[in-house]
Amino acid sequence: MASDFMALEDEIVRMLKTVYDPEIPVNVYDLGLIYGVETDDDKNVAITMTLTAPGCPMVDFLVEDVKMKVESIPEVKKVDVTIVFEPEWHQGLMSEEAKLELGFL
């Protein structure tokens, strides 16, 4: 059962890494926009994420893309995405790979 959960978690992360903010050439996971992923026993997924700026015009696009891609995983029943602004996003949340891609290293 634990290995099934880990496999599902890995697949969710893999799918999140296919979601890109159209204004930034880095995926939302490596940008550090994903604050949490929780899966219940029924395979419902709750994702907590943020944006690089509160007024981001791409919010609806990003939320829908996250939902669509994670819901494409056969085991997943339902996906809820919650946008939060606390804690505030900052460049320190990016992966080393994202920092390199964006020229911060």
PDB file of N, CA and C in Angstrom:
ATOM      1  N   MET A   1       0.824  -1.190   0.000  1.00  0.00           N
ATOM      2  CA  MET A   1       0.000   0.000   0.000  1.00  0.00           C
ATOM      3  C   MET A   1       0.870   1.257   0.000  1.00  0.00           C
ATOM      4  N   ALA A   2       1.929   1.268   0.810  1.00  0.00           N
ATOM      5  CA  ALA A   2       2.822   2.428   0.855  1.00  0.00           C
ATOM      6  C   ALA A   2       3.510   2.626  -0.486  1.00  0.00           C
ATOM      7  N   SER A   3       3.860   1.519  -1.152  1.00  0.00           N
ATOM      8  CA  SER A   3       4.519   1.650  -2.451  1.00  0.00           C
ATOM      9  C   SER A   3       3.539   2.181  -3.499  1.00  0.00           C
ATOM     10  N   ASP A   4       2.248   1.818  -3.380  1.00  0.00           N
ATOM     11  CA  ASP A   4       1.232   2.362  -4.289  1.00  0.00           C
ATOM     12  C   ASP A   4       1.106   3.868  -4.106  1.00  0.00           C
ATOM     13  N   PHE A   5       1.108   4.297  -2.841  1.00  0.00           N
ATOM     14  CA  PHE A   5       1.010   5.725  -2.540  1.00  0.00           C
ATOM     15  C   PHE A   5       2.224   6.465  -3.099  1.00  0.00           C
ATOM     16  N   MET A   6       3.409   5.910  -2.910  1.00  0.00           N
ATOM     17  CA  MET A   6       4.631   6.551  -3.411  1.00  0.00           C
ATOM     18  C   MET A   6       4.622   6.606  -4.937  1.00  0.00           C
ATOM     19  N   ALA A   7       4.147   5.550  -5.579  1.00  0.00           N
ATOM     20  CA  ALA A   7       4.081   5.536  -7.040  1.00  0.00           C
ATOM     21  C   ALA A   7       3.108   6.602  -7.529  1.00  0.00           C
ATOM     22  N   LEU A   8       1.968   6.761  -6.846  1.00  0.00           N
ATOM     23  CA  LEU A   8       1.006   7.783  -7.234  1.00  0.00           C
ATOM     24  C   LEU A   8       1.589   9.171  -7.016  1.00  0.00           C
ATOM     25  N   GLU A   9       2.261   9.353  -5.891  1.00  0.00           N
ATOM     26  CA  GLU A   9       2.888  10.653  -5.614  1.00  0.00           C
ATOM     27  C   GLU A   9       3.928  10.995  -6.683  1.00  0.00           C
ATOM     28  N   ASP A  10       4.730  10.019  -7.067  1.00  0.00           N
ATOM     29  CA  ASP A  10       5.732  10.235  -8.119  1.00  0.00           C
ATOM     30  C   ASP A  10       5.073  10.611  -9.440  1.00  0.00           C
ATOM     31  N   GLU A  11       3.953   9.966  -9.752  1.00  0.00           N
ATOM     32  CA  GLU A  11       3.248  10.256 -11.001  1.00  0.00           C
ATOM     33  C   GLU A  11       2.642  11.657 -10.967  1.00  0.00           C
ATOM     34  N   ILE A  12       2.132  12.063  -9.811  1.00  0.00           N
ATOM     35  CA  ILE A  12       1.585  13.421  -9.674  1.00  0.00           C
ATOM     36  C   ILE A  12       2.680  14.453  -9.900  1.00  0.00           C
ATOM     37  N   VAL A  13       3.829  14.251  -9.292  1.00  0.00           N
ATOM     38  CA  VAL A  13       4.953  15.180  -9.476  1.00  0.00           C
ATOM     39  C   VAL A  13       5.376  15.198 -10.942  1.00  0.00           C
ATOM     40  N   ARG A  14       5.419  14.033 -11.562  1.00  0.00           N
ATOM     41  CA  ARG A  14       5.793  13.968 -12.983  1.00  0.00           C
ATOM     42  C   ARG A  14       4.822  14.794 -13.828  1.00  0.00           C
ATOM     43  N   MET A  15       3.540  14.696 -13.530  1.00  0.00           N
ATOM     44  CA  MET A  15       2.545  15.464 -14.283  1.00  0.00           C
ATOM     45  C   MET A  15       2.653  16.959 -13.981  1.00  0.00           C
ATOM     46  N   LEU A  16       2.909  17.327 -12.726  1.00  0.00           N
ATOM     47  CA  LEU A  16       3.072  18.741 -12.380  1.00  0.00           C
ATOM     48  C   LEU A  16       4.254  19.360 -13.117  1.00  0.00           C
ATOM     49  N   LYS A  17       5.246  18.555 -13.392  1.00  0.00           N
ATOM     50  CA  LYS A  17       6.419  19.057 -14.110  1.00  0.00           C
ATOM     51  C   LYS A  17       6.148  19.277 -15.600  1.00  0.00           C
ATOM     52  N   THR A  18       4.923  18.955 -16.046  1.00  0.00           N
ATOM     53  CA  THR A  18       4.549  19.236 -17.433  1.00  0.00           C
ATOM     54  C   THR A  18       3.710  20.508 -17.549  1.00  0.00           C
ATOM     55  N   VAL A  19       3.459  21.168 -16.414  1.00  0.00           N
ATOM     56  CA  VAL A  19       2.660  22.397 -16.394  1.00  0.00           C
ATOM     57  C   VAL A  19       3.613  23.587 -16.376  1.00  0.00           C
ATOM     58  N   TYR A  20       3.492  24.438 -17.381  1.00  0.00           N
ATOM     59  CA  TYR A  20       4.364  25.603 -17.503  1.00  0.00           C
ATOM     60  C   TYR A  20       3.552  26.890 -17.448  1.00  0.00           C
ATOM     61  N   ASP A  21       4.085  27.866 -16.743  1.00  0.00           N
ATOM     62  CA  ASP A  21       3.540  29.213 -16.813  1.00  0.00           C
ATOM     63  C   ASP A  21       3.943  29.728 -18.187  1.00  0.00           C
ATOM     64  N   PRO A  22       2.985  30.170 -19.015  1.00  0.00           N
ATOM     65  CA  PRO A  22       3.333  30.607 -20.372  1.00  0.00           C
ATOM     66  C   PRO A  22       4.328  31.768 -20.408  1.00  0.00           C
ATOM     67  N   GLU A  23       4.462  32.486 -19.305  1.00  0.00           N
ATOM     68  CA  GLU A  23       5.368  33.634 -19.276  1.00  0.00           C
ATOM     69  C   GLU A  23       6.772  33.275 -18.799  1.00  0.00           C
ATOM     70  N   ILE A  24       6.928  32.045 -18.249  1.00  0.00           N
ATOM     71  CA  ILE A  24       8.220  31.623 -17.698  1.00  0.00           C
ATOM     72  C   ILE A  24       8.529  30.225 -18.228  1.00  0.00           C
ATOM     73  N   PRO A  25       9.710  30.013 -18.799  1.00  0.00           N
ATOM     74  CA  PRO A  25      10.021  28.713 -19.411  1.00  0.00           C
ATOM     75  C   PRO A  25      10.445  27.624 -18.422  1.00  0.00           C
ATOM     76  N   VAL A  26       9.792  27.574 -17.251  1.00  0.00           N
ATOM     77  CA  VAL A  26      10.107  26.578 -16.231  1.00  0.00           C
ATOM     78  C   VAL A  26       8.776  26.044 -15.698  1.00  0.00           C
ATOM     79  N   ASN A  27       8.734  24.761 -15.381  1.00  0.00           N
ATOM     80  CA  ASN A  27       7.483  24.171 -14.896  1.00  0.00           C
ATOM     81  C   ASN A  27       7.142  24.652 -13.476  1.00  0.00           C
ATOM     82  N   VAL A  28       5.852  24.549 -13.123  1.00  0.00           N
ATOM     83  CA  VAL A  28       5.366  25.082 -11.844  1.00  0.00           C
ATOM     84  C   VAL A  28       5.990  24.366 -10.646  1.00  0.00           C
ATOM     85  N   TYR A  29       6.333  23.096 -10.801  1.00  0.00           N
ATOM     86  CA  TYR A  29       6.937  22.352  -9.699  1.00  0.00           C
ATOM     87  C   TYR A  29       8.340  22.882  -9.405  1.00  0.00           C
ATOM     88  N   ASP A  30       9.161  22.993 -10.436  1.00  0.00           N
ATOM     89  CA  ASP A  30      10.528  23.482 -10.236  1.00  0.00           C
ATOM     90  C   ASP A  30      10.582  24.969  -9.899  1.00  0.00           C
ATOM     91  N   LEU A  31       9.547  25.714 -10.286  1.00  0.00           N
ATOM     92  CA  LEU A  31       9.469  27.124  -9.890  1.00  0.00           C
ATOM     93  C   LEU A  31       9.195  27.276  -8.391  1.00  0.00           C
ATOM     94  N   GLY A  32       8.759  26.197  -7.764  1.00  0.00           N
ATOM     95  CA  GLY A  32       8.437  26.258  -6.342  1.00  0.00           C
ATOM     96  C   GLY A  32       7.026  26.765  -6.084  1.00  0.00           C
ATOM     97  N   LEU A  33       6.169  26.685  -7.080  1.00  0.00           N
ATOM     98  CA  LEU A  33       4.795  27.157  -6.924  1.00  0.00           C
ATOM     99  C   LEU A  33       3.892  26.136  -6.245  1.00  0.00           C
ATOM    100  N   ILE A  34       4.316  24.894  -6.177  1.00  0.00           N
ATOM    101  CA  ILE A  34       3.517  23.848  -5.534  1.00  0.00           C
ATOM    102  C   ILE A  34       3.940  23.773  -4.063  1.00  0.00           C
ATOM    103  N   TYR A  35       3.013  24.127  -3.175  1.00  0.00           N
ATOM    104  CA  TYR A  35       3.297  24.114  -1.743  1.00  0.00           C
ATOM    105  C   TYR A  35       2.916  22.793  -1.084  1.00  0.00           C
ATOM    106  N   GLY A  36       1.966  22.085  -1.655  1.00  0.00           N
ATOM    107  CA  GLY A  36       1.566  20.822  -1.045  1.00  0.00           C
ATOM    108  C   GLY A  36       0.710  19.988  -1.964  1.00  0.00           C
ATOM    109  N   VAL A  37       0.855  18.660  -1.805  1.00  0.00           N
ATOM    110  CA  VAL A  37       0.034  17.693  -2.526  1.00  0.00           C
ATOM    111  C   VAL A  37      -0.405  16.655  -1.505  1.00  0.00           C
ATOM    112  N   GLU A  38      -1.721  16.507  -1.347  1.00  0.00           N
ATOM    113  CA  GLU A  38      -2.256  15.515  -0.419  1.00  0.00           C
ATOM    114  C   GLU A  38      -3.200  14.595  -1.171  1.00  0.00           C
ATOM    115  N   THR A  39      -3.090  13.315  -0.865  1.00  0.00           N
ATOM    116  CA  THR A  39      -3.949  12.316  -1.485  1.00  0.00           C
ATOM    117  C   THR A  39      -4.663  11.555  -0.386  1.00  0.00           C
ATOM    118  N   ASP A  40      -5.993  11.407  -0.507  1.00  0.00           N
ATOM    119  CA  ASP A  40      -6.721  10.640   0.505  1.00  0.00           C
ATOM    120  C   ASP A  40      -6.852   9.182   0.065  1.00  0.00           C
ATOM    121  N   ASP A  41      -7.486   8.373   0.904  1.00  0.00           N
ATOM    122  CA  ASP A  41      -7.622   6.941   0.626  1.00  0.00           C
ATOM    123  C   ASP A  41      -8.441   6.658  -0.621  1.00  0.00           C
ATOM    124  N   ASP A  42      -9.298   7.603  -1.024  1.00  0.00           N
ATOM    125  CA  ASP A  42     -10.125   7.428  -2.216  1.00  0.00           C
ATOM    126  C   ASP A  42      -9.436   7.929  -3.483  1.00  0.00           C
ATOM    127  N   LYS A  43      -8.180   8.347  -3.363  1.00  0.00           N
ATOM    128  CA  LYS A  43      -7.374   8.852  -4.484  1.00  0.00           C
ATOM    129  C   LYS A  43      -7.851  10.217  -4.989  1.00  0.00           C
ATOM    130  N   ASN A  44      -8.430  10.999  -4.075  1.00  0.00           N
ATOM    131  CA  ASN A  44      -8.719  12.400  -4.363  1.00  0.00           C
ATOM    132  C   ASN A  44      -7.462  13.174  -4.022  1.00  0.00           C
ATOM    133  N   VAL A  45      -7.129  14.164  -4.831  1.00  0.00           N
ATOM    134  CA  VAL A  45      -5.881  14.910  -4.659  1.00  0.00           C
ATOM    135  C   VAL A  45      -6.203  16.372  -4.373  1.00  0.00           C
ATOM    136  N   ALA A  46      -5.559  16.898  -3.342  1.00  0.00           N
ATOM    137  CA  ALA A  46      -5.680  18.315  -3.009  1.00  0.00           C
ATOM    138  C   ALA A  46      -4.310  18.945  -3.199  1.00  0.00           C
ATOM    139  N   ILE A  47      -4.257  19.953  -4.057  1.00  0.00           N
ATOM    140  CA  ILE A  47      -2.992  20.629  -4.356  1.00  0.00           C
ATOM    141  C   ILE A  47      -3.088  22.062  -3.865  1.00  0.00           C
ATOM    142  N   THR A  48      -2.086  22.473  -3.101  1.00  0.00           N
ATOM    143  CA  THR A  48      -1.976  23.853  -2.658  1.00  0.00           C
ATOM    144  C   THR A  48      -0.823  24.464  -3.429  1.00  0.00           C
ATOM    145  N   MET A  49      -1.115  25.581  -4.082  1.00  0.00           N
ATOM    146  CA  MET A  49      -0.067  26.222  -4.881  1.00  0.00           C
ATOM    147  C   MET A  49      -0.184  27.738  -4.771  1.00  0.00           C
ATOM    148  N   THR A  50       0.819  28.406  -5.267  1.00  0.00           N
ATOM    149  CA  THR A  50       0.837  29.857  -5.282  1.00  0.00           C
ATOM    150  C   THR A  50       1.184  30.323  -6.693  1.00  0.00           C
ATOM    151  N   LEU A  51       1.348  31.602  -6.830  1.00  0.00           N
ATOM    152  CA  LEU A  51       1.741  32.214  -8.095  1.00  0.00           C
ATOM    153  C   LEU A  51       2.961  33.091  -7.839  1.00  0.00           C
ATOM    154  N   THR A  52       3.677  33.433  -8.881  1.00  0.00           N
ATOM    155  CA  THR A  52       4.850  34.288  -8.698  1.00  0.00           C
ATOM    156  C   THR A  52       4.446  35.701  -8.287  1.00  0.00           C
ATOM    157  N   ALA A  53       3.216  36.088  -8.615  1.00  0.00           N
ATOM    158  CA  ALA A  53       2.698  37.407  -8.237  1.00  0.00           C
ATOM    159  C   ALA A  53       1.184  37.287  -8.044  1.00  0.00           C
ATOM    160  N   PRO A  54       0.626  37.951  -7.032  1.00  0.00           N
ATOM    161  CA  PRO A  54      -0.811  37.853  -6.768  1.00  0.00           C
ATOM    162  C   PRO A  54      -1.691  38.237  -7.959  1.00  0.00           C
ATOM    163  N   GLY A  55      -1.285  39.154  -8.775  1.00  0.00           N
ATOM    164  CA  GLY A  55      -2.096  39.598  -9.901  1.00  0.00           C
ATOM    165  C   GLY A  55      -1.832  38.840 -11.185  1.00  0.00           C
ATOM    166  N   CYS A  56      -1.245  37.674 -11.096  1.00  0.00           N
ATOM    167  CA  CYS A  56      -0.885  36.900 -12.295  1.00  0.00           C
ATOM    168  C   CYS A  56      -2.114  36.673 -13.181  1.00  0.00           C
ATOM    169  N   PRO A  57      -2.051  37.128 -14.427  1.00  0.00           N
ATOM    170  CA  PRO A  57      -3.203  36.969 -15.319  1.00  0.00           C
ATOM    171  C   PRO A  57      -3.412  35.527 -15.789  1.00  0.00           C
ATOM    172  N   MET A  58      -2.484  34.652 -15.503  1.00  0.00           N
ATOM    173  CA  MET A  58      -2.556  33.269 -15.983  1.00  0.00           C
ATOM    174  C   MET A  58      -3.138  32.314 -14.941  1.00  0.00           C
ATOM    175  N   VAL A  59      -3.684  32.831 -13.854  1.00  0.00           N
ATOM    176  CA  VAL A  59      -4.150  31.980 -12.761  1.00  0.00           C
ATOM    177  C   VAL A  59      -5.148  30.929 -13.234  1.00  0.00           C
ATOM    178  N   ASP A  60      -6.153  31.304 -13.994  1.00  0.00           N
ATOM    179  CA  ASP A  60      -7.161  30.337 -14.435  1.00  0.00           C
ATOM    180  C   ASP A  60      -6.547  29.272 -15.338  1.00  0.00           C
ATOM    181  N   PHE A  61      -5.671  29.683 -16.229  1.00  0.00           N
ATOM    182  CA  PHE A  61      -4.999  28.752 -17.120  1.00  0.00           C
ATOM    183  C   PHE A  61      -4.170  27.745 -16.321  1.00  0.00           C
ATOM    184  N   LEU A  62      -3.391  28.239 -15.357  1.00  0.00           N
ATOM    185  CA  LEU A  62      -2.522  27.362 -14.576  1.00  0.00           C
ATOM    186  C   LEU A  62      -3.330  26.382 -13.733  1.00  0.00           C
ATOM    187  N   VAL A  63      -4.374  26.856 -13.067  1.00  0.00           N
ATOM    188  CA  VAL A  63      -5.203  25.974 -12.242  1.00  0.00           C
ATOM    189  C   VAL A  63      -5.839  24.894 -13.107  1.00  0.00           C
ATOM    190  N   GLU A  64      -6.383  25.277 -14.234  1.00  0.00           N
ATOM    191  CA  GLU A  64      -7.035  24.302 -15.113  1.00  0.00           C
ATOM    192  C   GLU A  64      -6.019  23.302 -15.673  1.00  0.00           C
ATOM    193  N   ASP A  65      -4.834  23.757 -16.018  1.00  0.00           N
ATOM    194  CA  ASP A  65      -3.800  22.859 -16.540  1.00  0.00           C
ATOM    195  C   ASP A  65      -3.353  21.866 -15.470  1.00  0.00           C
ATOM    196  N   VAL A  66      -3.156  22.338 -14.237  1.00  0.00           N
ATOM    197  CA  VAL A  66      -2.787  21.448 -13.132  1.00  0.00           C
ATOM    198  C   VAL A  66      -3.877  20.393 -12.942  1.00  0.00           C
ATOM    199  N   LYS A  67      -5.119  20.830 -12.846  1.00  0.00           N
ATOM    200  CA  LYS A  67      -6.233  19.894 -12.645  1.00  0.00           C
ATOM    201  C   LYS A  67      -6.306  18.870 -13.781  1.00  0.00           C
ATOM    202  N   MET A  68      -6.276  19.342 -15.006  1.00  0.00           N
ATOM    203  CA  MET A  68      -6.419  18.464 -16.159  1.00  0.00           C
ATOM    204  C   MET A  68      -5.310  17.412 -16.205  1.00  0.00           C
ATOM    205  N   LYS A  69      -4.087  17.839 -15.971  1.00  0.00           N
ATOM    206  CA  LYS A  69      -2.967  16.908 -16.085  1.00  0.00           C
ATOM    207  C   LYS A  69      -2.947  15.896 -14.941  1.00  0.00           C
ATOM    208  N   VAL A  70      -3.234  16.340 -13.714  1.00  0.00           N
ATOM    209  CA  VAL A  70      -3.247  15.393 -12.592  1.00  0.00           C
ATOM    210  C   VAL A  70      -4.460  14.466 -12.706  1.00  0.00           C
ATOM    211  N   GLU A  71      -5.597  14.974 -13.163  1.00  0.00           N
ATOM    212  CA  GLU A  71      -6.775  14.124 -13.355  1.00  0.00           C
ATOM    213  C   GLU A  71      -6.570  13.107 -14.476  1.00  0.00           C
ATOM    214  N   SER A  72      -5.591  13.315 -15.335  1.00  0.00           N
ATOM    215  CA  SER A  72      -5.324  12.353 -16.409  1.00  0.00           C
ATOM    216  C   SER A  72      -4.673  11.074 -15.888  1.00  0.00           C
ATOM    217  N   ILE A  73      -4.221  11.081 -14.650  1.00  0.00           N
ATOM    218  CA  ILE A  73      -3.646   9.876 -14.038  1.00  0.00           C
ATOM    219  C   ILE A  73      -4.808   8.936 -13.733  1.00  0.00           C
ATOM    220  N   PRO A  74      -4.790   7.714 -14.267  1.00  0.00           N
ATOM    221  CA  PRO A  74      -5.942   6.814 -14.128  1.00  0.00           C
ATOM    222  C   PRO A  74      -6.421   6.585 -12.692  1.00  0.00           C
ATOM    223  N   GLU A  75      -5.525   6.518 -11.724  1.00  0.00           N
ATOM    224  CA  GLU A  75      -5.915   6.234 -10.342  1.00  0.00           C
ATOM    225  C   GLU A  75      -6.591   7.418  -9.656  1.00  0.00           C
ATOM    226  N   VAL A  76      -6.359   8.620 -10.146  1.00  0.00           N
ATOM    227  CA  VAL A  76      -6.867   9.830  -9.483  1.00  0.00           C
ATOM    228  C   VAL A  76      -8.348  10.004  -9.787  1.00  0.00           C
ATOM    229  N   LYS A  77      -9.130  10.220  -8.717  1.00  0.00           N
ATOM    230  CA  LYS A  77     -10.571  10.404  -8.868  1.00  0.00           C
ATOM    231  C   LYS A  77     -10.934  11.872  -9.079  1.00  0.00           C
ATOM    232  N   LYS A  78     -10.408  12.753  -8.243  1.00  0.00           N
ATOM    233  CA  LYS A  78     -10.780  14.169  -8.268  1.00  0.00           C
ATOM    234  C   LYS A  78      -9.580  15.000  -7.830  1.00  0.00           C
ATOM    235  N   VAL A  79      -9.460  16.211  -8.401  1.00  0.00           N
ATOM    236  CA  VAL A  79      -8.368  17.117  -8.041  1.00  0.00           C
ATOM    237  C   VAL A  79      -8.962  18.469  -7.643  1.00  0.00           C
ATOM    238  N   ASP A  80      -8.559  18.944  -6.487  1.00  0.00           N
ATOM    239  CA  ASP A  80      -8.911  20.293  -6.036  1.00  0.00           C
ATOM    240  C   ASP A  80      -7.625  21.093  -5.940  1.00  0.00           C
ATOM    241  N   VAL A  81      -7.628  22.283  -6.510  1.00  0.00           N
ATOM    242  CA  VAL A  81      -6.457  23.162  -6.459  1.00  0.00           C
ATOM    243  C   VAL A  81      -6.839  24.407  -5.672  1.00  0.00           C
ATOM    244  N   THR A  82      -6.030  24.719  -4.668  1.00  0.00           N
ATOM    245  CA  THR A  82      -6.230  25.916  -3.858  1.00  0.00           C
ATOM    246  C   THR A  82      -5.044  26.846  -4.073  1.00  0.00           C
ATOM    247  N   ILE A  83      -5.346  28.099  -4.417  1.00  0.00           N
ATOM    248  CA  ILE A  83      -4.301  29.114  -4.580  1.00  0.00           C
ATOM    249  C   ILE A  83      -4.164  29.859  -3.259  1.00  0.00           C
ATOM    250  N   VAL A  84      -2.924  29.976  -2.780  1.00  0.00           N
ATOM    251  CA  VAL A  84      -2.632  30.716  -1.546  1.00  0.00           C
ATOM    252  C   VAL A  84      -1.511  31.720  -1.819  1.00  0.00           C
ATOM    253  N   PHE A  85      -1.427  32.718  -0.977  1.00  0.00           N
ATOM    254  CA  PHE A  85      -0.350  33.707  -1.113  1.00  0.00           C
ATOM    255  C   PHE A  85       0.467  33.835   0.163  1.00  0.00           C
ATOM    256  N   GLU A  86       0.238  32.945   1.099  1.00  0.00           N
ATOM    257  CA  GLU A  86       1.019  32.862   2.322  1.00  0.00           C
ATOM    258  C   GLU A  86       1.542  31.446   2.431  1.00  0.00           C
ATOM    259  N   PRO A  87       2.815  31.214   2.537  1.00  0.00           N
ATOM    260  CA  PRO A  87       3.859  32.228   2.456  1.00  0.00           C
ATOM    261  C   PRO A  87       4.009  32.743   1.030  1.00  0.00           C
ATOM    262  N   GLU A  88       4.497  33.944   0.950  1.00  0.00           N
ATOM    263  CA  GLU A  88       4.708  34.582  -0.340  1.00  0.00           C
ATOM    264  C   GLU A  88       5.802  33.855  -1.112  1.00  0.00           C
ATOM    265  N   TRP A  89       5.593  33.673  -2.424  1.00  0.00           N
ATOM    266  CA  TRP A  89       6.599  33.028  -3.263  1.00  0.00           C
ATOM    267  C   TRP A  89       7.828  33.927  -3.382  1.00  0.00           C
ATOM    268  N   HIS A  90       8.998  33.297  -3.411  1.00  0.00           N
ATOM    269  CA  HIS A  90      10.256  34.014  -3.658  1.00  0.00           C
ATOM    270  C   HIS A  90      11.195  33.085  -4.424  1.00  0.00           C
ATOM    271  N   GLN A  91      12.222  33.655  -5.008  1.00  0.00           N
ATOM    272  CA  GLN A  91      13.142  32.904  -5.874  1.00  0.00           C
ATOM    273  C   GLN A  91      13.841  31.759  -5.145  1.00  0.00           C
ATOM    274  N   GLY A  92      13.960  31.857  -3.837  1.00  0.00           N
ATOM    275  CA  GLY A  92      14.598  30.795  -3.068  1.00  0.00           C
ATOM    276  C   GLY A  92      13.827  29.487  -3.094  1.00  0.00           C
ATOM    277  N   LEU A  93      12.567  29.520  -3.516  1.00  0.00           N
ATOM    278  CA  LEU A  93      11.751  28.306  -3.593  1.00  0.00           C
ATOM    279  C   LEU A  93      12.011  27.507  -4.870  1.00  0.00           C
ATOM    280  N   MET A  94      12.692  28.096  -5.827  1.00  0.00           N
ATOM    281  CA  MET A  94      12.971  27.418  -7.088  1.00  0.00           C
ATOM    282  C   MET A  94      14.016  26.325  -6.909  1.00  0.00           C
ATOM    283  N   SER A  95      13.899  25.288  -7.721  1.00  0.00           N
ATOM    284  CA  SER A  95      14.910  24.235  -7.730  1.00  0.00           C
ATOM    285  C   SER A  95      16.197  24.802  -8.342  1.00  0.00           C
ATOM    286  N   GLU A  96      17.291  24.122  -8.113  1.00  0.00           N
ATOM    287  CA  GLU A  96      18.562  24.530  -8.702  1.00  0.00           C
ATOM    288  C   GLU A  96      18.461  24.528 -10.230  1.00  0.00           C
ATOM    289  N   GLU A  97      17.751  23.541 -10.753  1.00  0.00           N
ATOM    290  CA  GLU A  97      17.558  23.427 -12.198  1.00  0.00           C
ATOM    291  C   GLU A  97      16.829  24.668 -12.749  1.00  0.00           C
ATOM    292  N   ALA A  98      15.798  25.117 -12.032  1.00  0.00           N
ATOM    293  CA  ALA A  98      15.038  26.295 -12.467  1.00  0.00           C
ATOM    294  C   ALA A  98      15.907  27.550 -12.397  1.00  0.00           C
ATOM    295  N   LYS A  99      16.680  27.670 -11.332  1.00  0.00           N
ATOM    296  CA  LYS A  99      17.568  28.830 -11.192  1.00  0.00           C
ATOM    297  C   LYS A  99      18.577  28.881 -12.328  1.00  0.00           C
ATOM    298  N   LEU A 100      19.102  27.730 -12.679  1.00  0.00           N
ATOM    299  CA  LEU A 100      20.063  27.651 -13.777  1.00  0.00           C
ATOM    300  C   LEU A 100      19.393  28.037 -15.099  1.00  0.00           C
ATOM    301  N   GLU A 101      18.196  27.507 -15.340  1.00  0.00           N
ATOM    302  CA  GLU A 101      17.447  27.784 -16.567  1.00  0.00           C
ATOM    303  C   GLU A 101      17.167  29.283 -16.716  1.00  0.00           C
ATOM    304  N   LEU A 102      16.867  29.943 -15.598  1.00  0.00           N
ATOM    305  CA  LEU A 102      16.515  31.358 -15.639  1.00  0.00           C
ATOM    306  C   LEU A 102      17.710  32.293 -15.446  1.00  0.00           C
ATOM    307  N   GLY A 103      18.914  31.722 -15.332  1.00  0.00           N
ATOM    308  CA  GLY A 103      20.119  32.536 -15.246  1.00  0.00           C
ATOM    309  C   GLY A 103      20.421  33.103 -13.883  1.00  0.00           C
ATOM    310  N   PHE A 104      19.867  32.471 -12.810  1.00  0.00           N
ATOM    311  CA  PHE A 104      20.142  32.944 -11.463  1.00  0.00           C
ATOM    312  C   PHE A 104      21.365  32.290 -10.854  1.00  0.00           C
ATOM    313  N   LEU A 105      21.947  31.318 -11.555  1.00  0.00           N
ATOM    314  CA  LEU A 105      23.180  30.661 -11.064  1.00  0.00           C
ATOM    315  C   LEU A 105      24.300  30.894 -12.040  1.00  0.00           C
TER     316      LEU A 105
END
